[in-house]
Amino acid sequence: MQTTPEHDERMAKMTFASVYPHYVSKVERKGRTKEELHTVISWLTGFNDQALQRLIDEKVTFQDFFDQAKLNPNAHMITGVICGYRIEEISNPLTQKVRYLDKLVDELAKGRKMEKILRV
């Protein structure tokens, strides 16, 4: 299942700050912590807590968020289906990165061990 250009554009224009609270509530509802969420985001993007807060405060789009990120070299190991899309088959690089993040948050919320989430 491939994404449409409209879907990809919508993802690029969405702000990280608008999605972040949903990530936090999702993981906390399942007994995980905001600190664990930050660990996962940091692993994928290289952002520390201060950089993450700055990006949230600046209301950057996902396009800008991932343009500034230093993607983990093991990110390609994130596979599976999220939101109806098989991650490894997504052709748009930005949409794929957003889905990487969604998948990691999903794995955290489902109680997966941190070593597995971080592809250690």
N, C-alpha and C. Protein backbone atom coordinates (compact mmCIF):
# COMPACT_ATOMS: atom_id res chain seq x y z
N MET A 1 0.84 -1.18 0.00
CA MET A 1 0.00 0.00 0.00
C MET A 1 0.89 1.24 0.00
N GLN A 2 0.82 2.03 -1.04
CA GLN A 2 1.63 3.23 -1.14
C GLN A 2 0.83 4.47 -0.71
N THR A 3 1.55 5.45 -0.21
CA THR A 3 0.92 6.69 0.20
C THR A 3 0.63 7.55 -1.02
N THR A 4 -0.32 8.46 -0.87
CA THR A 4 -0.63 9.38 -1.96
C THR A 4 0.17 10.67 -1.77
N PRO A 5 0.35 11.43 -2.84
CA PRO A 5 1.05 12.72 -2.70
C PRO A 5 0.37 13.64 -1.67
N GLU A 6 -0.95 13.60 -1.63
CA GLU A 6 -1.70 14.43 -0.68
C GLU A 6 -1.39 14.00 0.76
N HIS A 7 -1.34 12.69 0.98
CA HIS A 7 -1.02 12.15 2.29
C HIS A 7 0.39 12.57 2.71
N ASP A 8 1.34 12.46 1.79
CA ASP A 8 2.73 12.83 2.07
C ASP A 8 2.84 14.32 2.40
N GLU A 9 2.11 15.15 1.66
CA GLU A 9 2.15 16.59 1.90
C GLU A 9 1.53 16.94 3.26
N ARG A 10 0.46 16.26 3.60
CA ARG A 10 -0.20 16.47 4.90
C ARG A 10 0.76 16.12 6.03
N MET A 11 1.50 15.03 5.88
CA MET A 11 2.47 14.61 6.88
C MET A 11 3.58 15.67 7.02
N ALA A 12 4.05 16.19 5.91
CA ALA A 12 5.14 17.16 5.92
C ALA A 12 4.73 18.45 6.63
N LYS A 13 3.48 18.85 6.47
CA LYS A 13 3.02 20.12 7.03
C LYS A 13 2.52 20.02 8.47
N MET A 14 2.28 18.81 8.94
CA MET A 14 1.81 18.62 10.31
C MET A 14 2.93 19.03 11.27
N THR A 15 2.55 19.69 12.37
CA THR A 15 3.59 20.09 13.33
C THR A 15 3.84 18.98 14.33
N PHE A 16 5.11 18.85 14.71
CA PHE A 16 5.48 17.87 15.72
C PHE A 16 4.78 18.19 17.04
N ALA A 17 4.67 19.48 17.35
CA ALA A 17 4.04 19.91 18.61
C ALA A 17 2.57 19.47 18.70
N SER A 18 1.90 19.34 17.56
CA SER A 18 0.50 18.92 17.59
C SER A 18 0.35 17.43 17.86
N VAL A 19 1.36 16.65 17.54
CA VAL A 19 1.30 15.20 17.71
C VAL A 19 1.93 14.74 19.02
N TYR A 20 2.94 15.48 19.47
CA TYR A 20 3.69 15.10 20.66
C TYR A 20 2.81 14.81 21.89
N PRO A 21 1.82 15.66 22.22
CA PRO A 21 0.98 15.35 23.39
C PRO A 21 0.24 14.01 23.25
N HIS A 22 -0.09 13.64 22.03
CA HIS A 22 -0.75 12.35 21.80
C HIS A 22 0.21 11.19 22.05
N TYR A 23 1.47 11.38 21.66
CA TYR A 23 2.49 10.37 21.96
C TYR A 23 2.61 10.19 23.48
N VAL A 24 2.71 11.32 24.20
CA VAL A 24 2.87 11.27 25.65
C VAL A 24 1.69 10.57 26.30
N SER A 25 0.47 10.98 25.94
CA SER A 25 -0.70 10.37 26.57
C SER A 25 -0.83 8.89 26.23
N LYS A 26 -0.47 8.52 25.02
CA LYS A 26 -0.54 7.11 24.61
C LYS A 26 0.38 6.24 25.46
N VAL A 27 1.63 6.67 25.62
CA VAL A 27 2.57 5.84 26.38
C VAL A 27 2.26 5.86 27.88
N GLU A 28 1.84 7.01 28.39
CA GLU A 28 1.53 7.09 29.83
C GLU A 28 0.28 6.28 30.18
N ARG A 29 -0.69 6.26 29.28
CA ARG A 29 -1.91 5.47 29.47
C ARG A 29 -1.58 3.99 29.61
N LYS A 30 -0.49 3.58 28.96
CA LYS A 30 -0.08 2.18 28.97
C LYS A 30 1.00 1.88 30.01
N GLY A 31 1.24 2.84 30.92
CA GLY A 31 2.17 2.60 32.01
C GLY A 31 3.63 2.91 31.71
N ARG A 32 3.90 3.53 30.58
CA ARG A 32 5.27 3.93 30.26
C ARG A 32 5.44 5.41 30.62
N THR A 33 6.68 5.90 30.56
CA THR A 33 6.94 7.27 31.01
C THR A 33 7.32 8.19 29.86
N LYS A 34 7.20 9.48 30.15
CA LYS A 34 7.63 10.51 29.20
C LYS A 34 9.13 10.39 28.96
N GLU A 35 9.89 10.02 30.00
CA GLU A 35 11.34 9.85 29.87
C GLU A 35 11.65 8.72 28.89
N GLU A 36 10.89 7.63 28.96
CA GLU A 36 11.09 6.53 28.02
C GLU A 36 10.76 6.99 26.60
N LEU A 37 9.71 7.78 26.46
CA LEU A 37 9.35 8.32 25.15
C LEU A 37 10.50 9.16 24.61
N HIS A 38 11.08 10.01 25.46
CA HIS A 38 12.19 10.86 25.02
C HIS A 38 13.40 10.02 24.63
N THR A 39 13.63 8.91 25.34
CA THR A 39 14.73 8.01 24.99
C THR A 39 14.53 7.46 23.58
N VAL A 40 13.32 7.06 23.28
CA VAL A 40 12.99 6.50 21.96
C VAL A 40 13.15 7.57 20.87
N ILE A 41 12.63 8.77 21.13
CA ILE A 41 12.74 9.85 20.15
C ILE A 41 14.21 10.22 19.94
N SER A 42 14.95 10.28 21.02
CA SER A 42 16.37 10.61 20.94
C SER A 42 17.14 9.56 20.14
N TRP A 43 16.83 8.29 20.36
CA TRP A 43 17.49 7.22 19.62
C TRP A 43 17.27 7.39 18.12
N LEU A 44 16.04 7.72 17.73
CA LEU A 44 15.72 7.84 16.31
C LEU A 44 16.30 9.11 15.69
N THR A 45 16.22 10.23 16.43
CA THR A 45 16.52 11.53 15.83
C THR A 45 17.83 12.17 16.27
N GLY A 46 18.36 11.75 17.41
CA GLY A 46 19.55 12.39 17.95
C GLY A 46 19.25 13.62 18.79
N PHE A 47 17.98 14.00 18.95
CA PHE A 47 17.63 15.18 19.73
C PHE A 47 17.68 14.88 21.22
N ASN A 48 18.31 15.78 21.99
CA ASN A 48 18.25 15.66 23.44
C ASN A 48 16.98 16.37 23.93
N ASP A 49 16.75 16.36 25.24
CA ASP A 49 15.52 16.95 25.79
C ASP A 49 15.38 18.44 25.46
N GLN A 50 16.50 19.17 25.54
CA GLN A 50 16.44 20.61 25.26
C GLN A 50 16.10 20.88 23.80
N ALA A 51 16.72 20.15 22.90
CA ALA A 51 16.45 20.33 21.47
C ALA A 51 15.00 19.96 21.17
N LEU A 52 14.52 18.90 21.78
CA LEU A 52 13.14 18.47 21.57
C LEU A 52 12.17 19.54 22.04
N GLN A 53 12.42 20.12 23.22
CA GLN A 53 11.56 21.17 23.74
C GLN A 53 11.58 22.40 22.83
N ARG A 54 12.75 22.74 22.31
CA ARG A 54 12.87 23.88 21.40
C ARG A 54 12.03 23.66 20.14
N LEU A 55 12.09 22.45 19.59
CA LEU A 55 11.31 22.13 18.39
C LEU A 55 9.81 22.18 18.66
N ILE A 56 9.42 21.75 19.85
CA ILE A 56 8.01 21.82 20.24
C ILE A 56 7.59 23.29 20.37
N ASP A 57 8.41 24.08 21.08
CA ASP A 57 8.10 25.50 21.28
C ASP A 57 8.02 26.26 19.96
N GLU A 58 8.89 25.90 19.02
CA GLU A 58 8.91 26.57 17.71
C GLU A 58 7.82 26.05 16.77
N LYS A 59 7.11 25.00 17.20
CA LYS A 59 6.03 24.41 16.40
C LYS A 59 6.50 24.07 14.98
N VAL A 60 7.64 23.36 14.92
CA VAL A 60 8.19 22.98 13.61
C VAL A 60 7.33 21.89 12.97
N THR A 61 7.33 21.89 11.65
CA THR A 61 6.63 20.85 10.91
C THR A 61 7.45 19.57 10.97
N PHE A 62 6.83 18.45 10.62
CA PHE A 62 7.59 17.20 10.55
C PHE A 62 8.70 17.31 9.51
N GLN A 63 8.45 18.08 8.44
CA GLN A 63 9.51 18.28 7.44
C GLN A 63 10.74 18.91 8.09
N ASP A 64 10.54 20.00 8.84
CA ASP A 64 11.66 20.67 9.51
C ASP A 64 12.25 19.79 10.61
N PHE A 65 11.38 19.08 11.34
CA PHE A 65 11.81 18.21 12.43
C PHE A 65 12.82 17.18 11.91
N PHE A 66 12.45 16.50 10.83
CA PHE A 66 13.35 15.46 10.32
C PHE A 66 14.50 16.03 9.48
N ASP A 67 14.34 17.25 8.95
CA ASP A 67 15.48 17.89 8.28
C ASP A 67 16.59 18.18 9.28
N GLN A 68 16.21 18.49 10.53
CA GLN A 68 17.20 18.80 11.58
C GLN A 68 17.70 17.55 12.30
N ALA A 69 17.01 16.45 12.14
CA ALA A 69 17.36 15.22 12.86
C ALA A 69 18.57 14.53 12.23
N LYS A 70 19.29 13.82 13.08
CA LYS A 70 20.37 12.94 12.61
C LYS A 70 19.83 11.52 12.80
N LEU A 71 19.21 11.00 11.76
CA LEU A 71 18.52 9.71 11.85
C LEU A 71 19.49 8.59 12.24
N ASN A 72 19.05 7.76 13.17
CA ASN A 72 19.86 6.64 13.63
C ASN A 72 20.17 5.71 12.45
N PRO A 73 21.43 5.26 12.31
CA PRO A 73 21.77 4.38 11.19
C PRO A 73 21.01 3.05 11.21
N ASN A 74 20.46 2.66 12.36
CA ASN A 74 19.68 1.42 12.44
C ASN A 74 18.19 1.63 12.23
N ALA A 75 17.79 2.83 11.86
CA ALA A 75 16.36 3.11 11.66
C ALA A 75 15.75 2.19 10.61
N HIS A 76 16.54 1.78 9.63
CA HIS A 76 16.03 0.88 8.59
C HIS A 76 15.55 -0.46 9.15
N MET A 77 15.96 -0.76 10.40
CA MET A 77 15.54 -2.02 11.02
C MET A 77 14.12 -1.96 11.57
N ILE A 78 13.52 -0.77 11.54
CA ILE A 78 12.14 -0.60 12.00
C ILE A 78 11.24 -1.05 10.85
N THR A 79 10.55 -2.15 11.07
CA THR A 79 9.69 -2.71 10.03
C THR A 79 8.32 -3.03 10.60
N GLY A 80 7.42 -3.37 9.73
CA GLY A 80 6.09 -3.75 10.18
C GLY A 80 5.05 -2.81 9.62
N VAL A 81 3.83 -2.96 10.13
CA VAL A 81 2.71 -2.18 9.65
C VAL A 81 2.30 -1.17 10.72
N ILE A 82 2.09 0.07 10.29
CA ILE A 82 1.58 1.11 11.18
C ILE A 82 0.59 1.95 10.37
N CYS A 83 -0.56 2.17 10.94
CA CYS A 83 -1.61 2.96 10.29
C CYS A 83 -1.95 2.42 8.89
N GLY A 84 -1.88 1.11 8.73
CA GLY A 84 -2.24 0.49 7.47
C GLY A 84 -1.15 0.48 6.42
N TYR A 85 0.02 0.98 6.75
CA TYR A 85 1.13 1.04 5.79
C TYR A 85 2.28 0.17 6.26
N ARG A 86 2.85 -0.61 5.36
CA ARG A 86 4.05 -1.38 5.67
C ARG A 86 5.22 -0.41 5.56
N ILE A 87 5.89 -0.17 6.66
CA ILE A 87 6.91 0.87 6.75
C ILE A 87 8.00 0.72 5.69
N GLU A 88 8.48 -0.50 5.53
CA GLU A 88 9.59 -0.69 4.59
C GLU A 88 9.20 -0.49 3.13
N GLU A 89 7.90 -0.37 2.84
CA GLU A 89 7.44 -0.17 1.47
C GLU A 89 7.05 1.28 1.17
N ILE A 90 7.15 2.16 2.17
CA ILE A 90 6.79 3.56 1.95
C ILE A 90 7.91 4.22 1.13
N SER A 91 7.54 4.80 -0.01
CA SER A 91 8.55 5.35 -0.92
C SER A 91 8.95 6.78 -0.57
N ASN A 92 8.07 7.55 0.05
CA ASN A 92 8.41 8.92 0.41
C ASN A 92 9.27 8.91 1.67
N PRO A 93 10.51 9.42 1.60
CA PRO A 93 11.42 9.34 2.75
C PRO A 93 10.89 10.01 4.02
N LEU A 94 10.25 11.17 3.89
CA LEU A 94 9.74 11.86 5.07
C LEU A 94 8.59 11.07 5.71
N THR A 95 7.66 10.62 4.90
CA THR A 95 6.55 9.83 5.43
C THR A 95 7.07 8.58 6.12
N GLN A 96 8.09 7.96 5.55
CA GLN A 96 8.68 6.78 6.17
C GLN A 96 9.27 7.11 7.54
N LYS A 97 9.95 8.24 7.65
CA LYS A 97 10.54 8.64 8.93
C LYS A 97 9.46 8.91 9.98
N VAL A 98 8.39 9.57 9.57
CA VAL A 98 7.28 9.82 10.51
C VAL A 98 6.70 8.50 10.98
N ARG A 99 6.55 7.56 10.07
CA ARG A 99 6.01 6.24 10.44
C ARG A 99 7.00 5.45 11.30
N TYR A 100 8.30 5.66 11.11
CA TYR A 100 9.29 5.06 12.01
C TYR A 100 8.99 5.52 13.43
N LEU A 101 8.81 6.83 13.60
CA LEU A 101 8.53 7.38 14.92
C LEU A 101 7.22 6.83 15.48
N ASP A 102 6.18 6.79 14.65
CA ASP A 102 4.90 6.23 15.09
C ASP A 102 5.05 4.79 15.55
N LYS A 103 5.82 4.01 14.82
CA LYS A 103 6.02 2.60 15.15
C LYS A 103 6.75 2.45 16.48
N LEU A 104 7.78 3.26 16.70
CA LEU A 104 8.52 3.19 17.96
C LEU A 104 7.63 3.56 19.14
N VAL A 105 6.82 4.60 18.99
CA VAL A 105 5.88 5.00 20.05
C VAL A 105 4.88 3.88 20.30
N ASP A 106 4.41 3.27 19.24
CA ASP A 106 3.46 2.16 19.36
C ASP A 106 4.09 0.98 20.11
N GLU A 107 5.32 0.65 19.78
CA GLU A 107 6.01 -0.46 20.45
C GLU A 107 6.22 -0.14 21.93
N LEU A 108 6.55 1.10 22.24
CA LEU A 108 6.72 1.51 23.63
C LEU A 108 5.40 1.36 24.39
N ALA A 109 4.33 1.84 23.79
CA ALA A 109 3.01 1.76 24.42
C ALA A 109 2.55 0.31 24.61
N LYS A 110 2.96 -0.56 23.73
CA LYS A 110 2.55 -1.96 23.83
C LYS A 110 3.39 -2.75 24.83
N GLY A 111 4.35 -2.08 25.48
CA GLY A 111 5.12 -2.73 26.52
C GLY A 111 6.35 -3.48 26.05
N ARG A 112 6.74 -3.26 24.82
CA ARG A 112 7.93 -3.94 24.30
C ARG A 112 9.16 -3.48 25.09
N LYS A 113 10.10 -4.38 25.27
CA LYS A 113 11.32 -4.05 26.02
C LYS A 113 12.13 -3.00 25.27
N MET A 114 12.72 -2.09 26.04
CA MET A 114 13.47 -0.97 25.45
C MET A 114 14.59 -1.46 24.54
N GLU A 115 15.27 -2.56 24.90
CA GLU A 115 16.36 -3.09 24.07
C GLU A 115 15.84 -3.47 22.67
N LYS A 116 14.63 -3.99 22.63
CA LYS A 116 14.04 -4.38 21.33
C LYS A 116 13.63 -3.16 20.55
N ILE A 117 13.03 -2.18 21.24
CA ILE A 117 12.59 -0.94 20.57
C ILE A 117 13.78 -0.22 19.94
N LEU A 118 14.89 -0.18 20.68
CA LEU A 118 16.07 0.54 20.21
C LEU A 118 16.97 -0.30 19.31
N ARG A 119 16.46 -1.46 18.93
CA ARG A 119 17.16 -2.34 17.97
C ARG A 119 18.59 -2.63 18.40
N VAL A 120 18.75 -2.97 19.71
CA VAL A 120 20.08 -3.28 20.26
C VAL A 120 20.46 -4.70 19.90
